[in-house]
Amino acid sequence: MVLFLHECKLNRKSLLVWALCVGVLCFACLLLYDSLADSMGDVSEMFSDMGAFSAALGMDKVNIGTLEGYYAVEIAIMLSLGGGLFAAMTGSALVAKEEEGHTSEFLNTMPLSRTGILLAKYAAMALLIFLFELITLFCVLAGFSCMGEMPHMANLLRYHGAAFLMQLEIGSICFLLSAICRKKPTGAALGLTIFFYMLDLLLRVVPALEFAKYITPFYFANAADIFSENAANIPLLGTGAGDCATFLAAALLLYGRRDIAG
């Protein structure tokens, strides 16, 4: 519990900076809709007929001429990508920073097993990601409230729940990288997140890449899909949760067998 609280406290500034930057940006973009509303109808009709481009961004499924559709296409991209990058940076630093900062020898003198250390750090990462999602959701709701129009709440909560799991999966992959690296793999973590995002865009326009929906967590956290279908993709959410457990188990196994530098 002490290590869990220590990690949460240590990362609170990073959490607030990321969550407020992403949340305030989404809030401001929602307020911009008023000035764009007159032209959004024509823009929506134009973009919906742009073939692969429309399919990649989900504009063939929702009407960006409405505030809800505008959120599902434009705002959700910032939320998903910003949350994914935050999860990647957080997960990649939690374990490897001990060896990089030469504090692992002190950490391992504590009355905790390696498994206990990793579980405490993983729990801290999960809480930080959850708080990020909560703060950004509050900013989004504030934006809708200022506009005097609220979205379909069930779909909004479905999307943010799926986004939380997506970020946790990315964080879990980067947590595994952190457990096997002697230095923080920040570059690899950020690059992997961008790769997953681009893979999601590609598989929506290239039928041969449909298998990739089981690889990129951005697929099941697509707001346009959720808002247009009024449902989340439960099988893929289950796969994502299983992936989180698998990456955590792999981190525990590999970290437990490593020779750790002081």
Protein backbone atom coordinates (compact mmCIF):
# COMPACT_ATOMS: atom_id res chain seq x y z
CA MET A 1 0.00 0.00 0.00
CA VAL A 2 2.88 2.38 0.79
CA LEU A 3 4.47 1.79 -2.62
CA PHE A 4 1.08 2.14 -4.35
CA LEU A 5 0.43 5.51 -2.68
CA HIS A 6 4.01 6.62 -3.36
CA GLU A 7 3.65 5.96 -7.10
CA CYS A 8 0.29 7.72 -7.22
CA LYS A 9 1.74 10.75 -5.45
CA LEU A 10 4.83 10.75 -7.64
CA ASN A 11 2.75 10.76 -10.83
CA ARG A 12 0.00 13.16 -9.75
CA LYS A 13 1.50 16.19 -11.53
CA SER A 14 1.89 14.26 -14.77
CA LEU A 15 -1.70 13.07 -14.45
CA LEU A 16 -3.05 16.58 -13.90
CA VAL A 17 -1.02 18.08 -16.77
CA TRP A 18 -2.08 15.42 -19.27
CA ALA A 19 -5.72 15.18 -18.14
CA LEU A 20 -6.28 18.94 -17.99
CA CYS A 21 -4.53 19.61 -21.29
CA VAL A 22 -6.58 16.97 -23.11
CA GLY A 23 -9.78 17.75 -21.18
CA VAL A 24 -9.62 21.53 -21.61
CA LEU A 25 -8.79 21.12 -25.31
CA CYS A 26 -11.87 18.92 -25.76
CA PHE A 27 -13.97 21.40 -23.76
CA ALA A 28 -12.80 24.29 -25.96
CA CYS A 29 -13.45 22.33 -29.17
CA LEU A 30 -17.00 21.58 -28.04
CA LEU A 31 -17.58 25.29 -27.47
CA LEU A 32 -16.27 25.98 -30.98
CA TYR A 33 -19.15 23.98 -32.44
CA ASP A 34 -21.46 26.99 -32.15
CA SER A 35 -19.35 29.00 -34.57
CA LEU A 36 -19.13 26.05 -36.97
CA ALA A 37 -22.74 24.86 -36.74
CA ASP A 38 -23.98 26.75 -39.82
CA SER A 39 -21.42 25.13 -42.10
CA MET A 40 -21.22 21.69 -40.47
CA GLY A 41 -24.23 20.34 -42.38
CA ASP A 42 -22.57 20.93 -45.77
CA VAL A 43 -19.22 19.67 -44.46
CA SER A 44 -20.85 16.51 -43.11
CA GLU A 45 -22.49 15.76 -46.47
CA MET A 46 -19.23 16.35 -48.31
CA PHE A 47 -17.07 14.22 -46.01
CA SER A 48 -19.57 11.34 -45.84
CA ASP A 49 -18.99 10.75 -49.59
CA MET A 50 -15.19 10.72 -49.47
CA GLY A 51 -14.87 6.95 -49.45
CA ALA A 52 -11.83 5.63 -47.60
CA PHE A 53 -11.22 8.90 -45.76
CA SER A 54 -14.76 8.91 -44.39
CA ALA A 55 -14.53 5.24 -43.37
CA ALA A 56 -11.19 5.74 -41.61
CA LEU A 57 -12.55 8.51 -39.39
CA GLY A 58 -16.05 7.10 -38.95
CA MET A 59 -17.75 9.95 -40.79
CA ASP A 60 -19.74 7.43 -42.84
CA LYS A 61 -21.45 6.26 -39.61
CA VAL A 62 -22.31 9.44 -37.71
CA ASN A 63 -23.39 12.90 -38.78
CA ILE A 64 -20.78 15.48 -37.78
CA GLY A 65 -23.42 18.13 -38.44
CA THR A 66 -24.81 17.29 -34.99
CA LEU A 67 -23.01 18.03 -31.72
CA GLU A 68 -23.00 14.34 -30.76
CA GLY A 69 -21.59 13.31 -34.13
CA TYR A 70 -19.01 16.10 -33.96
CA TYR A 71 -17.93 14.75 -30.57
CA ALA A 72 -17.80 11.13 -31.76
CA VAL A 73 -15.56 11.97 -34.72
CA GLU A 74 -13.53 15.04 -33.85
CA ILE A 75 -13.29 15.17 -30.05
CA ALA A 76 -12.96 11.44 -29.45
CA ILE A 77 -9.82 11.31 -31.60
CA MET A 78 -8.07 13.72 -29.22
CA LEU A 79 -9.34 11.82 -26.19
CA SER A 80 -8.28 8.40 -27.46
CA LEU A 81 -4.88 9.44 -28.76
CA GLY A 82 -4.10 11.68 -25.78
CA GLY A 83 -5.17 8.97 -23.34
CA GLY A 84 -3.17 6.33 -25.18
CA LEU A 85 0.00 8.45 -25.08
CA PHE A 86 -0.50 9.18 -21.37
CA ALA A 87 -0.95 5.47 -20.61
CA ALA A 88 2.13 4.60 -22.67
CA MET A 89 4.34 7.13 -20.89
CA THR A 90 3.07 6.12 -17.46
CA GLY A 91 3.39 2.37 -18.03
CA SER A 92 6.85 2.60 -19.62
CA ALA A 93 8.35 4.50 -16.68
CA LEU A 94 7.01 2.72 -13.61
CA VAL A 95 9.45 -0.19 -13.37
CA ALA A 96 12.45 0.73 -15.53
CA LYS A 97 12.96 4.03 -13.70
CA GLU A 98 14.24 2.12 -10.67
CA GLU A 99 17.22 0.67 -12.54
CA GLU A 100 17.78 3.81 -14.57
CA GLY A 101 17.80 5.90 -11.40
CA HIS A 102 19.81 3.31 -9.43
CA THR A 103 17.08 2.97 -6.79
CA SER A 104 16.18 -0.69 -7.42
CA GLU A 105 18.62 -1.92 -4.76
CA PHE A 106 16.85 0.20 -2.12
CA LEU A 107 13.41 -0.83 -3.40
CA ASN A 108 14.25 -4.52 -3.12
CA THR A 109 15.34 -4.15 0.51
CA MET A 110 11.76 -3.32 1.41
CA PRO A 111 9.61 -6.12 2.88
CA LEU A 112 8.03 -6.75 -0.52
CA SER A 113 8.48 -9.51 -3.05
CA ARG A 114 9.13 -8.66 -6.67
CA THR A 115 5.57 -9.73 -7.39
CA GLY A 116 4.29 -7.37 -4.69
CA ILE A 117 6.34 -4.50 -6.12
CA LEU A 118 5.00 -5.00 -9.63
CA LEU A 119 1.40 -5.44 -8.49
CA ALA A 120 1.56 -2.21 -6.48
CA LYS A 121 3.00 -0.32 -9.46
CA TYR A 122 0.45 -1.82 -11.86
CA ALA A 123 -2.42 -0.91 -9.52
CA ALA A 124 -1.09 2.67 -9.38
CA MET A 125 -0.98 2.79 -13.18
CA ALA A 126 -4.58 1.52 -13.42
CA LEU A 127 -5.77 4.17 -10.94
CA LEU A 128 -3.92 6.96 -12.76
CA ILE A 129 -5.48 5.94 -16.08
CA PHE A 130 -8.93 5.76 -14.45
CA LEU A 131 -8.51 9.25 -12.98
CA PHE A 132 -7.36 10.56 -16.37
CA GLU A 133 -10.55 9.20 -17.92
CA LEU A 134 -12.67 10.63 -15.10
CA ILE A 135 -11.18 14.13 -15.41
CA THR A 136 -11.56 14.22 -19.19
CA LEU A 137 -15.14 12.92 -18.91
CA PHE A 138 -15.93 15.76 -16.50
CA CYS A 139 -14.48 18.29 -18.99
CA VAL A 140 -16.54 16.78 -21.81
CA LEU A 141 -19.74 16.90 -19.77
CA ALA A 142 -18.99 20.51 -18.84
CA GLY A 143 -18.62 21.33 -22.55
CA PHE A 144 -21.92 19.68 -23.46
CA SER A 145 -23.61 21.45 -20.55
CA CYS A 146 -22.35 24.84 -21.72
CA MET A 147 -23.71 24.08 -25.18
CA GLY A 148 -27.11 23.30 -23.65
CA GLU A 149 -27.24 19.86 -25.23
CA MET A 150 -26.30 16.50 -23.73
CA PRO A 151 -25.32 13.39 -25.71
CA HIS A 152 -26.81 9.93 -25.33
CA MET A 153 -25.39 9.23 -21.86
CA ALA A 154 -25.28 5.44 -22.20
CA ASN A 155 -23.19 5.73 -25.37
CA LEU A 156 -20.94 8.36 -23.78
CA LEU A 157 -20.25 6.08 -20.81
CA ARG A 158 -19.76 3.09 -23.11
CA TYR A 159 -17.17 5.02 -25.08
CA HIS A 160 -15.27 6.25 -22.02
CA GLY A 161 -15.38 2.76 -20.50
CA ALA A 162 -13.94 1.30 -23.70
CA ALA A 163 -11.36 4.11 -23.82
CA PHE A 164 -10.29 3.27 -20.27
CA LEU A 165 -9.75 -0.39 -21.22
CA MET A 166 -7.90 0.66 -24.38
CA GLN A 167 -5.56 2.86 -22.35
CA LEU A 168 -5.08 0.12 -19.75
CA GLU A 169 -4.12 -2.34 -22.49
CA ILE A 170 -1.58 0.09 -23.96
CA GLY A 171 -0.32 0.80 -20.44
CA SER A 172 -0.01 -2.96 -19.80
CA ILE A 173 2.08 -3.50 -22.93
CA CYS A 174 4.37 -0.63 -21.96
CA PHE A 175 4.46 -1.88 -18.37
CA LEU A 176 5.80 -5.19 -19.71
CA LEU A 177 8.45 -3.30 -21.70
CA SER A 178 9.36 -1.38 -18.56
CA ALA A 179 9.74 -4.62 -16.60
CA ILE A 180 12.28 -6.06 -19.06
CA CYS A 181 14.27 -2.90 -19.87
CA ARG A 182 17.05 -1.29 -17.86
CA LYS A 183 16.10 2.17 -19.08
CA LYS A 184 12.69 3.74 -19.63
CA PRO A 185 11.49 2.68 -23.11
CA THR A 186 9.60 5.95 -23.62
CA GLY A 187 10.33 6.25 -27.34
CA ALA A 188 9.25 2.67 -28.04
CA ALA A 189 6.09 3.15 -25.96
CA LEU A 190 5.02 6.32 -27.78
CA GLY A 191 5.90 4.81 -31.15
CA LEU A 192 3.85 1.71 -30.38
CA THR A 193 0.83 3.85 -29.48
CA ILE A 194 1.03 5.78 -32.76
CA PHE A 195 1.44 2.48 -34.63
CA PHE A 196 -1.72 1.07 -33.01
CA TYR A 197 -3.65 4.22 -33.92
CA MET A 198 -2.49 4.19 -37.55
CA LEU A 199 -3.24 0.47 -37.77
CA ASP A 200 -6.81 1.17 -36.66
CA LEU A 201 -7.21 3.75 -39.44
CA LEU A 202 -5.77 1.40 -42.06
CA LEU A 203 -7.82 -1.66 -41.17
CA ARG A 204 -11.03 0.34 -41.62
CA VAL A 205 -10.22 0.98 -45.28
CA VAL A 206 -8.16 -2.10 -46.23
CA PRO A 207 -10.29 -5.29 -45.95
CA ALA A 208 -7.19 -7.51 -45.93
CA LEU A 209 -6.17 -6.00 -42.59
CA GLU A 210 -9.38 -6.91 -40.76
CA PHE A 211 -7.47 -9.39 -38.58
CA ALA A 212 -5.66 -6.38 -37.08
CA LYS A 213 -8.75 -5.47 -35.04
CA TYR A 214 -7.53 -8.14 -32.61
CA ILE A 215 -4.17 -6.36 -32.37
CA THR A 216 -4.94 -2.67 -31.97
CA PRO A 217 -6.92 -1.65 -28.86
CA PHE A 218 -8.06 1.52 -30.64
CA TYR A 219 -10.52 -0.57 -32.67
CA PHE A 220 -12.90 -1.41 -29.81
CA ALA A 221 -12.65 2.14 -28.41
CA ASN A 222 -13.90 3.86 -31.55
CA ALA A 223 -16.55 6.43 -30.59
CA ALA A 224 -18.16 6.52 -34.04
CA ASP A 225 -18.79 2.76 -33.87
CA ILE A 226 -20.23 2.95 -30.36
CA PHE A 227 -22.48 5.96 -31.02
CA SER A 228 -23.78 4.58 -34.33
CA GLU A 229 -24.46 1.07 -33.05
CA ASN A 230 -25.59 2.05 -29.53
CA ALA A 231 -23.39 -0.73 -28.18
CA ALA A 232 -19.80 -1.60 -27.38
CA ASN A 233 -18.01 -4.55 -28.98
CA ILE A 234 -18.23 -6.94 -26.02
CA PRO A 235 -16.13 -9.79 -27.52
CA LEU A 236 -13.26 -7.41 -28.31
CA LEU A 237 -13.57 -5.77 -24.89
CA GLY A 238 -13.18 -9.25 -23.40
CA THR A 239 -10.13 -9.83 -25.58
CA GLY A 240 -8.68 -6.51 -24.40
CA ALA A 241 -9.21 -7.42 -20.73
CA GLY A 242 -7.55 -10.80 -21.36
CA ASP A 243 -4.60 -9.06 -23.03
CA CYS A 244 -4.15 -6.84 -19.95
CA ALA A 245 -4.01 -9.91 -17.71
CA THR A 246 -1.60 -11.66 -20.09
CA PHE A 247 0.82 -8.73 -20.28
CA LEU A 248 0.75 -8.34 -16.50
CA ALA A 249 1.44 -12.06 -16.01
CA ALA A 250 4.33 -11.87 -18.50
CA ALA A 251 5.77 -8.86 -16.67
CA LEU A 252 5.57 -10.70 -13.34
CA LEU A 253 7.23 -13.79 -14.79
CA LEU A 254 10.05 -12.02 -16.63
CA TYR A 255 10.78 -9.47 -13.91
CA GLY A 256 10.96 -12.25 -11.33
CA ARG A 257 13.70 -14.01 -13.32
CA ARG A 258 15.80 -10.97 -14.19
CA ASP A 259 19.13 -9.93 -12.72
CA ILE A 260 18.39 -6.40 -11.59
CA ALA A 261 21.10 -3.75 -11.47
CA GLY A 262 21.24 -1.60 -8.35
